[in-house]
Amino acid sequence: MVFKAATFHGIEPNIESENVKRSALESTVANALAVAGGLDASDVTVTAAGQEIRLDGTVATPQEIDRATAVAEAIPGVRLVRNRILVG
């Protein structure tokens, strides 16, 4: 079997590092929310745009909304948290 370098019309493909960074930040925040005490984040979604995090979904109490914001803000690399979580 012969292995050749991956190319597209003779040009080596570029991996968009911004998507990798965004995905890593989303995963880090989501994991932190999942293990945070005082918060059931099973219905919360995390979306990153640059260093900005958007939280959407529902939680049981207003205190959990505040806790989710605090946890997300504590993650290195997060500059701004937009919390759109509702009590459901």
N, C-alpha and C. Protein backbone atom coordinates (compact mmCIF):
# COMPACT_ATOMS: atom_id res chain seq x y z
N MET A 1 0.84 -1.16 0.00
CA MET A 1 0.00 0.00 0.00
C MET A 1 0.90 1.24 0.00
N VAL A 2 0.53 2.25 -0.77
CA VAL A 2 1.31 3.47 -0.88
C VAL A 2 0.55 4.60 -0.19
N PHE A 3 1.23 5.32 0.68
CA PHE A 3 0.61 6.47 1.36
C PHE A 3 1.16 7.75 0.76
N LYS A 4 0.26 8.65 0.44
CA LYS A 4 0.67 9.94 -0.12
C LYS A 4 0.21 11.04 0.84
N ALA A 5 0.88 12.16 0.78
CA ALA A 5 0.49 13.31 1.60
C ALA A 5 -0.91 13.77 1.18
N ALA A 6 -1.72 14.14 2.17
CA ALA A 6 -3.08 14.60 1.88
C ALA A 6 -3.03 15.97 1.21
N THR A 7 -3.63 16.05 0.03
CA THR A 7 -3.71 17.33 -0.68
C THR A 7 -5.08 17.46 -1.33
N PHE A 8 -5.43 18.69 -1.65
CA PHE A 8 -6.67 18.97 -2.36
C PHE A 8 -6.28 19.77 -3.59
N HIS A 9 -6.37 19.15 -4.74
CA HIS A 9 -5.92 19.76 -6.00
C HIS A 9 -4.48 20.22 -5.89
N GLY A 10 -3.65 19.40 -5.23
CA GLY A 10 -2.23 19.70 -5.11
C GLY A 10 -1.87 20.67 -4.01
N ILE A 11 -2.86 21.16 -3.27
CA ILE A 11 -2.61 22.12 -2.19
C ILE A 11 -2.86 21.43 -0.86
N GLU A 12 -1.91 21.57 0.07
CA GLU A 12 -2.08 20.97 1.38
C GLU A 12 -3.22 21.67 2.13
N PRO A 13 -4.13 20.91 2.73
CA PRO A 13 -5.26 21.54 3.42
C PRO A 13 -4.81 22.24 4.70
N ASN A 14 -5.49 23.35 5.01
CA ASN A 14 -5.23 24.08 6.25
C ASN A 14 -6.28 23.67 7.27
N ILE A 15 -5.84 23.44 8.49
CA ILE A 15 -6.77 23.16 9.58
C ILE A 15 -7.07 24.48 10.27
N GLU A 16 -8.34 24.80 10.36
CA GLU A 16 -8.71 26.07 10.97
C GLU A 16 -8.52 25.99 12.47
N SER A 17 -7.49 26.65 12.95
CA SER A 17 -7.17 26.57 14.37
C SER A 17 -8.23 27.26 15.22
N GLU A 18 -8.95 28.23 14.67
CA GLU A 18 -10.00 28.92 15.43
C GLU A 18 -11.09 27.93 15.82
N ASN A 19 -11.47 27.04 14.92
CA ASN A 19 -12.49 26.04 15.25
C ASN A 19 -12.01 25.09 16.32
N VAL A 20 -10.73 24.73 16.27
CA VAL A 20 -10.17 23.84 17.28
C VAL A 20 -10.18 24.53 18.64
N LYS A 21 -9.76 25.80 18.69
CA LYS A 21 -9.75 26.55 19.94
C LYS A 21 -11.16 26.72 20.48
N ARG A 22 -12.10 27.04 19.61
CA ARG A 22 -13.49 27.23 20.03
C ARG A 22 -14.06 25.94 20.59
N SER A 23 -13.81 24.85 19.92
CA SER A 23 -14.29 23.55 20.37
C SER A 23 -13.69 23.17 21.72
N ALA A 24 -12.40 23.43 21.88
CA ALA A 24 -11.73 23.12 23.15
C ALA A 24 -12.30 23.96 24.28
N LEU A 25 -12.56 25.23 24.03
CA LEU A 25 -13.11 26.10 25.06
C LEU A 25 -14.53 25.67 25.42
N GLU A 26 -15.34 25.33 24.42
CA GLU A 26 -16.69 24.85 24.68
C GLU A 26 -16.66 23.59 25.54
N SER A 27 -15.78 22.66 25.20
CA SER A 27 -15.67 21.41 25.96
C SER A 27 -15.22 21.66 27.39
N THR A 28 -14.26 22.55 27.56
CA THR A 28 -13.76 22.85 28.90
C THR A 28 -14.85 23.44 29.78
N VAL A 29 -15.60 24.39 29.23
CA VAL A 29 -16.69 25.01 29.99
C VAL A 29 -17.79 23.99 30.28
N ALA A 30 -18.18 23.21 29.28
CA ALA A 30 -19.23 22.21 29.47
C ALA A 30 -18.83 21.18 30.52
N ASN A 31 -17.59 20.75 30.51
CA ASN A 31 -17.12 19.79 31.51
C ASN A 31 -17.12 20.40 32.90
N ALA A 32 -16.72 21.66 33.01
CA ALA A 32 -16.72 22.33 34.30
C ALA A 32 -18.14 22.47 34.85
N LEU A 33 -19.08 22.78 33.97
CA LEU A 33 -20.48 22.88 34.40
C LEU A 33 -21.01 21.52 34.85
N ALA A 34 -20.60 20.48 34.15
CA ALA A 34 -21.09 19.13 34.46
C ALA A 34 -20.65 18.65 35.84
N VAL A 35 -19.46 19.06 36.26
CA VAL A 35 -18.95 18.58 37.55
C VAL A 35 -19.09 19.60 38.68
N ALA A 36 -19.63 20.77 38.37
CA ALA A 36 -19.77 21.82 39.39
C ALA A 36 -20.85 21.44 40.40
N GLY A 37 -20.55 21.66 41.64
CA GLY A 37 -21.54 21.43 42.68
C GLY A 37 -22.59 22.53 42.68
N GLY A 38 -23.78 22.20 43.11
CA GLY A 38 -24.85 23.19 43.19
C GLY A 38 -25.46 23.54 41.85
N LEU A 39 -25.29 22.66 40.87
CA LEU A 39 -25.76 22.96 39.52
C LEU A 39 -26.04 21.67 38.75
N ASP A 40 -27.25 21.58 38.21
CA ASP A 40 -27.57 20.48 37.29
C ASP A 40 -27.58 21.07 35.89
N ALA A 41 -26.49 20.88 35.16
CA ALA A 41 -26.33 21.50 33.84
C ALA A 41 -26.67 20.55 32.71
N SER A 42 -27.46 19.53 32.98
CA SER A 42 -27.76 18.54 31.94
C SER A 42 -28.58 19.12 30.80
N ASP A 43 -29.29 20.23 31.02
CA ASP A 43 -30.07 20.87 29.96
C ASP A 43 -29.47 22.20 29.53
N VAL A 44 -28.18 22.37 29.73
CA VAL A 44 -27.49 23.61 29.37
C VAL A 44 -26.55 23.33 28.20
N THR A 45 -26.60 24.20 27.19
CA THR A 45 -25.68 24.09 26.06
C THR A 45 -24.67 25.24 26.13
N VAL A 46 -23.48 24.96 25.66
CA VAL A 46 -22.38 25.92 25.69
C VAL A 46 -21.94 26.18 24.26
N THR A 47 -21.87 27.46 23.88
CA THR A 47 -21.41 27.84 22.56
C THR A 47 -20.33 28.91 22.72
N ALA A 48 -19.22 28.75 22.02
CA ALA A 48 -18.12 29.72 22.08
C ALA A 48 -18.01 30.47 20.77
N ALA A 49 -17.71 31.75 20.89
CA ALA A 49 -17.39 32.60 19.74
C ALA A 49 -16.18 33.41 20.17
N GLY A 50 -15.02 32.98 19.74
CA GLY A 50 -13.80 33.61 20.22
C GLY A 50 -13.64 33.29 21.69
N GLN A 51 -13.51 34.32 22.52
CA GLN A 51 -13.39 34.13 23.96
C GLN A 51 -14.71 34.38 24.67
N GLU A 52 -15.77 34.49 23.91
CA GLU A 52 -17.10 34.71 24.47
C GLU A 52 -17.85 33.39 24.56
N ILE A 53 -18.49 33.14 25.69
CA ILE A 53 -19.27 31.92 25.92
C ILE A 53 -20.74 32.30 26.04
N ARG A 54 -21.59 31.53 25.34
CA ARG A 54 -23.03 31.71 25.49
C ARG A 54 -23.60 30.44 26.10
N LEU A 55 -24.36 30.63 27.17
CA LEU A 55 -25.03 29.53 27.85
C LEU A 55 -26.51 29.60 27.55
N ASP A 56 -27.10 28.51 27.09
CA ASP A 56 -28.52 28.42 26.80
C ASP A 56 -29.07 27.19 27.50
N GLY A 57 -30.37 27.20 27.75
CA GLY A 57 -31.02 26.02 28.32
C GLY A 57 -31.84 26.35 29.53
N THR A 58 -32.08 25.33 30.35
CA THR A 58 -32.90 25.51 31.55
C THR A 58 -32.25 24.84 32.75
N VAL A 59 -32.50 25.43 33.91
CA VAL A 59 -32.08 24.86 35.19
C VAL A 59 -33.26 24.98 36.15
N ALA A 60 -33.13 24.44 37.35
CA ALA A 60 -34.24 24.39 38.28
C ALA A 60 -34.44 25.66 39.10
N THR A 61 -33.36 26.39 39.40
CA THR A 61 -33.47 27.56 40.29
C THR A 61 -32.67 28.74 39.77
N PRO A 62 -33.02 29.95 40.21
CA PRO A 62 -32.21 31.12 39.84
C PRO A 62 -30.78 31.03 40.36
N GLN A 63 -30.57 30.36 41.48
CA GLN A 63 -29.22 30.21 42.03
C GLN A 63 -28.34 29.40 41.08
N GLU A 64 -28.94 28.43 40.37
CA GLU A 64 -28.17 27.64 39.42
C GLU A 64 -27.74 28.49 38.22
N ILE A 65 -28.54 29.46 37.85
CA ILE A 65 -28.16 30.38 36.76
C ILE A 65 -26.90 31.15 37.17
N ASP A 66 -26.92 31.70 38.39
CA ASP A 66 -25.76 32.44 38.89
C ASP A 66 -24.53 31.54 39.00
N ARG A 67 -24.73 30.31 39.44
CA ARG A 67 -23.62 29.36 39.59
C ARG A 67 -23.02 29.03 38.23
N ALA A 68 -23.86 28.84 37.21
CA ALA A 68 -23.37 28.54 35.86
C ALA A 68 -22.51 29.68 35.33
N THR A 69 -22.95 30.91 35.56
CA THR A 69 -22.18 32.07 35.12
C THR A 69 -20.82 32.11 35.82
N ALA A 70 -20.82 31.90 37.13
CA ALA A 70 -19.58 31.94 37.90
C ALA A 70 -18.61 30.85 37.45
N VAL A 71 -19.12 29.66 37.20
CA VAL A 71 -18.25 28.55 36.76
C VAL A 71 -17.65 28.87 35.40
N ALA A 72 -18.46 29.35 34.47
CA ALA A 72 -17.96 29.66 33.12
C ALA A 72 -16.94 30.79 33.15
N GLU A 73 -17.18 31.82 33.97
CA GLU A 73 -16.25 32.94 34.06
C GLU A 73 -14.90 32.54 34.65
N ALA A 74 -14.88 31.47 35.43
CA ALA A 74 -13.64 31.04 36.09
C ALA A 74 -12.72 30.25 35.16
N ILE A 75 -13.19 29.90 33.97
CA ILE A 75 -12.38 29.10 33.04
C ILE A 75 -11.35 30.01 32.35
N PRO A 76 -10.07 29.63 32.37
CA PRO A 76 -9.06 30.41 31.66
C PRO A 76 -9.40 30.51 30.16
N GLY A 77 -9.29 31.70 29.61
CA GLY A 77 -9.58 31.91 28.20
C GLY A 77 -10.96 32.48 27.96
N VAL A 78 -11.82 32.47 28.96
CA VAL A 78 -13.16 33.04 28.82
C VAL A 78 -13.10 34.51 29.18
N ARG A 79 -13.50 35.35 28.25
CA ARG A 79 -13.47 36.79 28.47
C ARG A 79 -14.85 37.32 28.86
N LEU A 80 -15.92 36.74 28.28
CA LEU A 80 -17.28 37.23 28.50
C LEU A 80 -18.24 36.05 28.50
N VAL A 81 -19.21 36.07 29.42
CA VAL A 81 -20.23 35.03 29.47
C VAL A 81 -21.59 35.69 29.25
N ARG A 82 -22.30 35.22 28.24
CA ARG A 82 -23.68 35.66 27.99
C ARG A 82 -24.58 34.52 28.44
N ASN A 83 -25.28 34.75 29.53
CA ASN A 83 -26.10 33.71 30.12
C ASN A 83 -27.55 33.90 29.69
N ARG A 84 -28.04 32.95 28.91
CA ARG A 84 -29.44 32.96 28.46
C ARG A 84 -30.19 31.76 29.03
N ILE A 85 -29.72 31.26 30.16
CA ILE A 85 -30.37 30.13 30.82
C ILE A 85 -31.66 30.63 31.49
N LEU A 86 -32.69 29.81 31.41
CA LEU A 86 -33.97 30.12 32.04
C LEU A 86 -34.28 29.10 33.12
N VAL A 87 -35.11 29.51 34.09
CA VAL A 87 -35.60 28.58 35.09
C VAL A 87 -36.76 27.83 34.47
N GLY A 88 -36.67 26.50 34.48
CA GLY A 88 -37.70 25.73 33.79
C GLY A 88 -38.33 24.74 34.63
